Amino acid sequence: MSTDNITAALIEDDRRDMKRRHLIYNIAVLKVATGEEIGRLADISTEGLMIASPSKLPLHEHNLLTFKLPESCQQYSNVEFEAEARWHKDDANPSYELTGYHVIEPVDDYKKLCQLLVRQIGFQD
């Protein structure tokens, strides 16, 4: 089975029941261990997130991540969460790739931060 077929199968298997919310502007997503920016937050839910990056991020890799937050969200600036990359897809901008992450056992502060981000910088339905 080709890598593209495997990725497509993973996308189908990993659809979430909870609606993801797109954000008005993108927040940097950082690896906690290195401080390295791996991409920009494209959308978020309490169960997962989608990251836009210049290249594909490794699938099935677990990372401890955090966000570089706007000033209005600074009370959550130390929220860290473990996430696993589950799928890839092309972005509308050909210079970027999208990677979907599943958040492993999200802590309450992560869930509260998701709600705050959606309320403050998310597109409203």
Protein backbone atom coordinates (compact mmCIF):
# COMPACT_ATOMS: atom_id res chain seq x y z
CA MET A 1 0.00 0.00 0.00
CA SER A 2 1.44 3.40 -0.96
CA THR A 3 2.14 6.13 1.59
CA ASP A 4 -0.67 8.26 0.09
CA ASN A 5 -3.17 5.39 0.47
CA ILE A 6 -2.08 4.80 4.06
CA THR A 7 -2.44 8.51 4.82
CA ALA A 8 -5.93 8.53 3.25
CA ALA A 9 -6.94 5.52 5.35
CA LEU A 10 -5.67 7.20 8.50
CA ILE A 11 -7.65 10.33 7.70
CA GLU A 12 -10.82 8.26 7.46
CA ASP A 13 -10.06 6.32 10.67
CA ASP A 14 -9.25 9.41 12.69
CA ARG A 15 -12.26 11.63 11.99
CA ARG A 16 -13.37 13.21 15.21
CA ASP A 17 -16.95 13.62 16.41
CA MET A 18 -16.20 17.03 17.90
CA LYS A 19 -16.19 19.90 15.44
CA ARG A 20 -12.84 21.55 14.84
CA ARG A 21 -12.72 25.32 14.86
CA HIS A 22 -10.69 27.35 12.39
CA LEU A 23 -8.82 30.32 13.80
CA ILE A 24 -8.67 33.83 12.39
CA TYR A 25 -4.89 33.92 12.66
CA ASN A 26 -2.37 31.20 13.22
CA ILE A 27 -0.47 30.67 16.45
CA ALA A 28 3.02 29.12 16.51
CA VAL A 29 3.15 25.52 17.78
CA LEU A 30 6.40 24.67 19.56
CA LYS A 31 8.17 21.49 20.70
CA VAL A 32 8.66 21.89 24.45
CA ALA A 33 11.99 20.03 24.49
CA THR A 34 13.69 22.30 21.96
CA GLY A 35 11.53 25.43 21.65
CA GLU A 36 11.51 24.74 17.88
CA GLU A 37 8.47 25.97 15.96
CA ILE A 38 7.00 23.03 14.04
CA GLY A 39 4.25 25.01 12.33
CA ARG A 40 1.22 27.19 12.80
CA LEU A 41 -2.08 26.22 14.39
CA ALA A 42 -4.73 26.05 11.66
CA ASP A 43 -7.62 24.65 13.69
CA ILE A 44 -8.27 23.17 17.10
CA SER A 45 -10.62 21.06 19.18
CA THR A 46 -10.27 19.58 22.65
CA GLU A 47 -9.26 16.28 21.02
CA GLY A 48 -6.89 17.46 18.34
CA LEU A 49 -5.40 20.16 16.19
CA MET A 50 -4.25 20.76 12.66
CA ILE A 51 -0.86 22.31 12.03
CA ALA A 52 0.24 24.03 8.81
CA SER A 53 3.98 23.71 8.14
CA PRO A 54 6.37 24.14 5.21
CA SER A 55 7.01 20.38 5.09
CA LYS A 56 5.28 17.18 6.19
CA LEU A 57 5.72 16.43 9.88
CA PRO A 58 6.57 12.81 10.81
CA LEU A 59 3.51 10.61 11.33
CA HIS A 60 2.98 8.58 14.52
CA GLU A 61 5.55 10.67 16.37
CA HIS A 62 4.58 11.70 19.91
CA ASN A 63 5.64 15.20 20.94
CA LEU A 64 5.18 17.39 23.98
CA LEU A 65 3.89 20.63 22.49
CA THR A 66 2.90 24.13 23.54
CA PHE A 67 1.72 27.35 21.87
CA LYS A 68 3.24 30.79 21.51
CA LEU A 69 0.10 32.61 22.61
CA PRO A 70 -1.19 36.13 22.03
CA GLU A 71 -1.16 38.46 25.03
CA SER A 72 -4.90 37.95 25.59
CA CYS A 73 -4.27 34.26 26.41
CA GLN A 74 -1.13 34.57 28.54
CA GLN A 75 -2.71 32.95 31.61
CA TYR A 76 -2.34 29.68 29.65
CA SER A 77 1.18 30.32 28.36
CA ASN A 78 2.60 27.25 30.11
CA VAL A 79 0.04 24.73 28.88
CA GLU A 80 1.84 21.68 27.53
CA PHE A 81 0.20 18.67 25.91
CA GLU A 82 1.27 15.41 24.34
CA ALA A 83 0.08 14.87 20.79
CA GLU A 84 0.58 12.31 18.03
CA ALA A 85 0.69 13.16 14.32
CA ARG A 86 -1.98 11.06 12.60
CA TRP A 87 -2.47 12.31 9.03
CA HIS A 88 -1.33 14.67 6.26
CA LYS A 89 -3.13 16.57 3.56
CA ASP A 90 -2.29 19.34 1.12
CA ASP A 91 -3.00 22.92 2.15
CA ALA A 92 -4.70 25.36 -0.22
CA ASN A 93 -1.34 27.16 -0.24
CA PRO A 94 1.07 24.83 -2.08
CA SER A 95 3.95 26.07 0.10
CA TYR A 96 2.42 24.32 3.14
CA GLU A 97 1.39 20.87 4.31
CA LEU A 98 -1.29 20.17 6.90
CA THR A 99 -0.76 17.60 9.65
CA GLY A 100 -3.52 16.42 11.97
CA TYR A 101 -2.63 15.69 15.58
CA HIS A 102 -4.52 13.76 18.22
CA VAL A 103 -4.06 15.18 21.74
CA ILE A 104 -3.33 12.34 24.15
CA GLU A 105 -5.22 12.66 27.44
CA PRO A 106 -5.84 16.43 27.25
CA VAL A 107 -5.56 18.18 30.61
CA ASP A 108 -8.22 20.63 31.81
CA ASP A 109 -6.01 23.66 31.08
CA TYR A 110 -5.65 22.52 27.45
CA LYS A 111 -9.43 22.20 27.15
CA LYS A 112 -9.95 25.65 28.69
CA LEU A 113 -7.33 27.12 26.36
CA CYS A 114 -9.12 25.61 23.34
CA GLN A 115 -12.36 27.26 24.40
CA LEU A 116 -10.60 30.58 24.99
CA LEU A 117 -8.86 30.50 21.59
CA VAL A 118 -12.11 29.69 19.78
CA ARG A 119 -13.94 32.46 21.64
CA GLN A 120 -11.25 35.09 21.11
CA ILE A 121 -9.77 34.32 17.69
CA GLY A 122 -12.00 31.67 16.12
CA PHE A 123 -14.38 32.01 13.22
CA GLN A 124 -17.96 32.00 14.43
CA ASP A 125 -20.57 29.78 12.72
